[in-house]
Protein backbone atom coordinates (compact mmCIF):
# COMPACT_ATOMS: atom_id res chain seq x y z
CA MET A 1 -7.96 -31.22 -18.67
CA ALA A 2 -11.34 -32.01 -17.10
CA THR A 3 -13.03 -29.70 -14.63
CA GLY A 4 -11.85 -30.42 -11.12
CA ASP A 5 -8.54 -31.97 -12.17
CA PRO A 6 -5.64 -30.72 -10.01
CA VAL A 7 -3.13 -28.30 -11.56
CA ASN A 8 0.47 -28.69 -10.51
CA LYS A 9 2.81 -25.71 -10.12
CA SER A 10 4.61 -26.22 -13.42
CA GLN A 11 1.31 -26.31 -15.34
CA LEU A 12 0.08 -23.21 -13.53
CA GLY A 13 3.32 -21.42 -14.34
CA ARG A 14 2.98 -22.19 -18.04
CA ILE A 15 -0.66 -21.03 -18.12
CA THR A 16 0.17 -17.80 -16.29
CA SER A 17 3.11 -17.16 -18.62
CA VAL A 18 0.93 -17.58 -21.74
CA ARG A 19 -1.82 -15.34 -20.40
CA SER A 20 0.56 -12.57 -19.35
CA ALA A 21 2.70 -12.58 -22.50
CA MET A 22 0.85 -9.64 -24.01
CA SER A 23 -1.64 -8.81 -21.23
CA PHE A 24 -2.67 -5.25 -20.52
CA SER A 25 -4.97 -4.00 -17.79
CA SER A 26 -8.57 -3.32 -18.80
CA VAL A 27 -10.71 -0.41 -17.68
CA GLY A 28 -13.08 -1.56 -14.93
CA SER A 29 -16.74 -0.75 -14.41
CA ASP A 30 -15.92 0.99 -11.14
CA ILE A 31 -13.69 3.41 -13.01
CA LEU A 32 -16.20 4.37 -15.67
CA ALA A 33 -18.06 6.86 -13.40
CA THR A 34 -17.78 10.63 -13.69
CA LEU A 35 -15.50 11.43 -16.60
CA THR A 36 -16.55 13.76 -19.40
CA THR A 37 -14.53 14.29 -22.56
CA ALA A 38 -13.18 17.54 -21.14
CA ASN A 39 -11.71 15.65 -18.14
CA CYS A 40 -9.50 13.33 -20.23
CA GLU A 41 -6.03 14.65 -21.05
CA ILE A 42 -4.37 11.65 -22.73
CA ALA A 43 -6.08 8.34 -23.54
CA LEU A 44 -4.42 5.03 -24.34
CA LEU A 45 -5.84 1.84 -25.84
CA PRO A 46 -4.88 -0.83 -28.38
CA LEU A 47 -5.08 0.55 -31.92
CA LYS A 48 -7.26 -2.32 -33.19
CA LEU A 49 -9.78 -1.62 -30.43
CA LEU A 50 -9.88 2.06 -31.41
CA VAL A 51 -10.48 1.11 -35.05
CA GLU A 52 -13.26 -1.24 -33.96
CA LEU A 53 -14.97 1.41 -31.81
CA GLN A 54 -14.43 4.33 -34.21
CA ASP A 55 -14.91 2.67 -37.61
CA LYS A 56 -16.67 5.84 -38.81
CA TYR A 57 -13.33 7.66 -38.67
CA LEU A 58 -10.70 4.92 -38.91
CA THR A 59 -10.48 1.90 -41.20
CA LEU A 60 -7.73 -0.72 -41.36
CA GLU A 61 -7.86 -2.80 -44.53
CA ASP A 62 -5.00 -5.00 -45.69
CA ASP A 63 -1.91 -2.85 -45.04
CA VAL A 64 -3.62 0.55 -45.15
CA LEU A 65 -4.92 2.60 -42.21
CA THR A 66 -7.23 5.40 -43.39
CA SER A 67 -8.32 8.39 -41.34
CA ASN A 68 -11.67 9.94 -42.31
CA ASN A 69 -11.79 13.27 -40.49
CA LEU A 70 -13.63 15.73 -42.72
CA SER A 71 -16.43 15.84 -40.13
CA GLY A 72 -15.04 15.01 -36.73
CA GLY A 73 -12.56 12.22 -36.12
CA PHE A 74 -8.86 12.48 -35.31
CA ASN A 75 -5.80 14.30 -36.56
CA VAL A 76 -3.34 11.44 -37.14
CA TYR A 77 0.30 12.50 -36.70
CA SER A 78 2.64 10.21 -38.58
CA ASP A 79 5.60 9.88 -40.93
CA GLY A 80 3.35 8.12 -43.45
CA THR A 81 3.76 4.54 -42.26
CA ALA A 82 3.26 2.63 -39.03
CA LEU A 83 4.13 -0.80 -37.71
CA ILE A 84 0.74 -2.26 -36.72
CA ASP A 85 0.93 -5.56 -34.85
CA GLY A 86 4.04 -6.54 -36.76
CA ARG A 87 2.89 -5.39 -40.23
CA GLN A 88 4.24 -2.31 -41.98
CA CYS A 89 1.16 -0.29 -42.93
CA ARG A 90 0.63 2.86 -44.94
CA ILE A 91 -1.29 5.79 -43.43
CA VAL A 92 -3.81 7.66 -45.58
CA ASN A 93 -4.74 11.21 -44.52
CA TYR A 94 -2.29 12.25 -41.84
CA ILE A 95 -0.30 15.27 -40.64
CA GLN A 96 3.47 15.07 -40.80
CA ARG A 97 5.08 14.95 -37.37
CA LYS A 98 7.68 17.42 -38.65
CA VAL A 99 6.55 20.32 -40.83
CA THR A 100 8.05 23.54 -42.16
CA LEU A 101 6.02 26.76 -42.05
CA ARG A 102 7.01 29.67 -44.28
CA SER A 103 4.43 32.34 -43.51
CA HIS A 104 2.37 33.67 -40.63
CA VAL A 105 -0.75 32.41 -42.41
CA ASP A 106 0.65 28.88 -42.36
CA TYR A 107 1.66 29.36 -38.72
CA LYS A 108 -1.85 30.46 -37.69
CA ASP A 109 -3.57 27.66 -39.58
CA TYR A 110 -1.15 25.05 -38.21
CA ARG A 111 -1.78 26.35 -34.68
CA GLU A 112 -5.54 25.99 -35.20
CA THR A 113 -5.08 22.50 -36.62
CA LEU A 114 -3.28 21.35 -33.47
CA LEU A 115 -6.37 22.19 -31.43
CA ALA A 116 -9.05 21.30 -33.97
CA LYS A 117 -9.41 17.58 -33.25
CA PRO A 118 -7.96 14.98 -30.88
CA MET A 119 -4.37 14.14 -31.82
CA LEU A 120 -3.79 10.46 -32.59
CA PHE A 121 -0.36 8.82 -32.44
CA ILE A 122 0.47 5.19 -33.15
CA THR A 123 3.29 3.51 -31.27
CA ASN A 124 4.44 0.04 -30.21
CA ALA A 125 5.43 -1.45 -26.89
CA LYS A 126 6.74 -4.85 -25.87
CA LYS A 127 6.11 -6.84 -22.73
CA VAL A 128 9.10 -6.53 -20.38
CA ASN A 129 11.10 -9.74 -19.89
CA SER A 130 9.04 -11.59 -22.49
CA ASP A 131 10.61 -14.13 -24.81
CA SER A 132 8.11 -13.19 -27.51
CA PRO A 133 9.44 -10.75 -30.15
CA SER A 134 5.90 -9.44 -30.71
CA ALA A 135 4.99 -5.88 -29.82
CA LYS A 136 1.53 -4.50 -29.11
CA THR A 137 0.37 -1.49 -31.13
CA PHE A 138 -1.20 1.29 -29.09
CA ALA A 139 -3.21 4.35 -30.02
CA ILE A 140 -2.31 7.42 -27.96
CA ILE A 141 -4.95 10.16 -28.05
CA VAL A 142 -4.10 13.68 -26.89
CA ASN A 143 -7.44 15.32 -26.08
CA THR A 144 -7.31 18.90 -27.33
CA ARG A 145 -10.61 19.67 -25.60
CA HIS A 146 -8.97 19.45 -22.21
CA PRO A 147 -8.24 23.00 -20.98
CA GLN A 148 -4.77 22.14 -19.66
CA ILE A 149 -3.73 20.47 -22.92
CA ARG A 150 -4.99 23.47 -24.91
CA ALA A 151 -3.22 25.87 -22.56
CA LYS A 152 0.08 23.97 -22.83
CA VAL A 153 -0.02 23.90 -26.64
CA GLU A 154 -0.94 27.58 -26.89
CA GLY A 155 1.54 28.57 -24.18
CA GLY A 156 4.38 26.66 -25.82
CA MET A 157 3.76 28.34 -29.15
CA ASN A 158 3.37 31.79 -27.57
CA ASN A 159 6.59 31.45 -25.61
CA ALA A 160 8.53 30.30 -28.66
CA ILE A 161 7.39 33.01 -31.03
CA SER A 162 7.74 35.81 -28.47
CA SER A 163 11.34 34.86 -27.67
CA VAL A 164 12.53 34.62 -31.28
CA MET A 165 10.47 37.24 -33.09
CA GLY A 166 11.87 37.89 -36.54
CA GLU A 167 14.06 34.77 -36.53
CA ASN A 168 13.87 31.19 -37.71
CA TYR A 169 12.95 28.78 -34.93
CA GLN A 170 11.92 25.22 -34.18
CA LEU A 171 9.43 24.02 -31.56
CA GLN A 172 8.94 20.38 -30.58
CA PHE A 173 6.10 19.01 -28.43
CA THR A 174 6.56 15.65 -26.74
CA PHE A 175 4.71 13.42 -24.26
CA HIS A 176 7.02 10.41 -24.66
CA ASP A 177 8.14 10.32 -21.01
CA ASP A 178 4.62 10.25 -19.55
CA VAL A 179 3.51 7.38 -21.80
CA LYS A 180 6.79 5.54 -21.20
CA GLU A 181 6.30 5.80 -17.43
CA TYR A 182 2.68 4.67 -17.62
CA LEU A 183 3.45 1.65 -19.81
CA HIS A 184 6.31 0.72 -17.49
CA ARG A 185 3.73 0.41 -14.71
CA GLN A 186 1.87 -2.00 -16.99
CA ASN A 187 5.12 -3.96 -17.47
CA PHE A 188 5.54 -2.74 -21.06
CA GLU A 189 8.38 -0.80 -22.66
CA LEU A 190 8.17 1.44 -25.71
CA THR A 191 9.97 0.18 -28.80
CA GLU A 192 9.59 3.46 -30.74
CA ASP A 193 10.35 7.12 -30.10
CA ASN A 194 7.57 8.77 -32.11
CA LEU A 195 5.38 10.43 -29.48
CA ASN A 196 6.33 13.94 -30.51
CA PHE A 197 5.67 16.48 -33.24
CA SER A 198 7.42 19.66 -34.27
CA PHE A 199 7.49 22.53 -36.71
CA ILE A 200 10.18 24.80 -38.11
CA PHE A 201 9.25 28.39 -38.87
CA LYS A 202 11.55 29.62 -41.65
CA LEU A 203 11.81 33.22 -42.73
CA ASP A 204 13.86 34.59 -45.61
CA VAL A 205 16.87 35.19 -43.41
CA PHE A 206 20.20 34.90 -45.18
CA VAL A 207 22.15 33.66 -42.14
CA ASP A 208 20.48 33.02 -38.77
CA PHE A 209 23.28 32.33 -36.30
CA PHE A 210 20.89 31.87 -33.35
CA TYR A 211 19.07 29.05 -35.17
CA LEU A 212 22.27 27.44 -36.45
CA LEU A 213 23.71 27.44 -32.93
CA GLY A 214 20.54 25.90 -31.50
CA PHE A 215 19.40 28.89 -29.44
CA SER A 216 16.08 29.06 -31.33
CA LYS A 217 15.20 25.39 -30.91
CA LYS A 218 12.61 24.98 -28.18
CA ASN A 219 10.99 21.98 -26.51
CA CYS A 220 7.62 21.75 -24.79
CA ASP A 221 6.63 18.72 -22.69
CA LEU A 222 2.90 17.94 -22.83
CA HIS A 223 2.51 16.33 -19.42
CA GLY A 224 -0.91 14.81 -18.81
CA LYS A 225 -2.80 12.18 -16.88
CA ILE A 226 -3.14 8.89 -18.75
CA LEU A 227 -6.57 7.30 -19.10
CA ASN A 228 -6.55 3.59 -19.98
CA LEU A 229 -9.55 2.83 -22.24
CA HIS A 230 -8.69 -0.79 -22.92
CA CYS A 231 -11.76 -3.00 -22.45
CA THR A 232 -12.86 -6.48 -23.47
CA ASN A 233 -16.55 -7.02 -22.74
CA ASN A 234 -19.30 -5.55 -24.90
CA SER A 235 -20.97 -3.36 -22.28
CA ARG A 236 -17.72 -1.56 -21.50
CA LYS A 237 -16.92 -1.25 -25.20
CA GLU A 238 -20.23 0.53 -25.75
CA ARG A 239 -19.46 3.01 -22.99
CA VAL A 240 -15.96 3.68 -24.29
CA LYS A 241 -17.34 4.01 -27.83
CA MET A 242 -19.81 6.66 -26.64
CA PHE A 243 -17.04 8.49 -24.80
CA LEU A 244 -14.77 8.54 -27.87
CA SER A 245 -17.64 9.57 -30.14
CA LYS A 246 -18.30 12.63 -28.00
CA MET A 247 -14.62 13.50 -27.98
CA THR A 248 -14.46 13.39 -31.78
CA ASN A 249 -17.75 15.18 -32.43
CA PRO A 250 -17.03 18.15 -34.73
CA LEU A 251 -17.52 21.75 -33.63
CA ILE A 252 -16.73 24.96 -35.48
CA ARG A 253 -15.45 28.02 -33.68
CA LEU A 254 -16.98 31.22 -34.99
CA GLY A 255 -14.42 33.92 -35.61
CA SER A 256 -11.72 31.44 -36.60
CA SER A 257 -9.38 32.47 -39.37
CA LEU A 258 -11.16 29.87 -41.47
CA ASP A 259 -14.36 31.95 -41.39
CA HIS A 260 -12.79 34.83 -43.27
CA ASP A 261 -12.85 35.01 -47.02
CA ARG A 262 -9.21 34.22 -47.55
CA ARG A 263 -8.12 30.89 -49.01
CA PRO A 264 -7.19 28.41 -46.23
CA SER A 265 -3.76 26.83 -46.24
CA ILE A 266 -3.11 23.09 -46.28
CA TYR A 267 -3.25 23.05 -42.48
CA SER A 268 -6.74 24.55 -42.19
CA MET A 269 -9.36 22.60 -40.29
CA ASP A 270 -12.40 23.30 -38.14
CA MET A 271 -11.98 24.38 -34.53
CA ILE A 272 -13.82 23.05 -31.50
CA THR A 273 -14.85 25.23 -28.59
CA GLU A 274 -16.66 23.26 -25.96
CA ASP A 275 -18.21 19.89 -25.27
CA PRO A 276 -21.81 20.12 -26.54
CA PHE A 277 -22.98 17.32 -24.28
CA PRO A 278 -24.18 18.35 -20.79
CA GLN A 279 -22.46 16.58 -17.94
CA GLU A 280 -25.60 14.70 -16.92
CA GLU A 281 -25.74 13.04 -20.35
CA GLU A 282 -22.29 11.50 -19.99
CA VAL A 283 -21.95 7.77 -19.50
CA ASN A 284 -22.08 6.70 -15.88
CA ASP A 285 -19.02 4.60 -15.98
CA ILE A 286 -15.94 6.49 -17.11
CA ALA A 287 -13.10 7.75 -14.88
CA PRO A 288 -9.31 7.85 -15.04
CA VAL A 289 -7.14 4.81 -14.37
CA LEU A 290 -3.70 5.02 -12.78
CA PRO A 291 -3.23 8.73 -13.61
CA LEU A 292 0.22 10.19 -13.99
CA SER A 293 1.05 13.28 -12.01
CA SER A 294 1.50 16.40 -14.15
């Protein structure tokens, strides 16, 4: 169709339908203004964009997604596989969404791991009322540097262990409802229920009636404001890349259990304490989009 040719309503309807089939709002320049890594609670963006911007820590080759997090990066929570843009892919280097802890050493190291790096979850959502069977794969990042997120994780674990001392118990964290509500505003609906993680603490108790009856099974909702980091042009990508790089920069907390001379468990990782970048060094164009109320 040549420039200047009229477009009738049926043509316009078809064009709009094609463009909106898998559309998702992009972060605007006016929103990239005052945010530091410590201000972001939960971030959301397409997984392929995250891999593109954080190729130092994440690689997607053939049907394998690899997390490289020995120095910085993300803690990927998964069951070992993920559906990525319609392909079943294997995850290399991840933390099981459901784990069993059998000692207080494991418990302490697992607790530190939860707060050591940003948590990364992979989930899929489909455009509402779309005829296309395709789903879009999103990366959901829970920023463990945010003081409220840290406080909710620590508080949930403290409340669970103090109420069931000496017993077996299970604690599950979830932020499914917040992401579901946010995506609904974007006219998407989740096709998976995997935005949660949990652990079971098992002692050598012969029969634990409280656990068997469900009294020792706790839930903790990680409510948080959602920051949409989806972007398409190169200048915005560079700003988002800088923001994510600062969030994933490794820090070690002195005095951590990992600094002692005991052998770390399989859950041991470095701890972060504070954002090393002064506020004035932050990019001038990052701020939250359509935040959810806590």
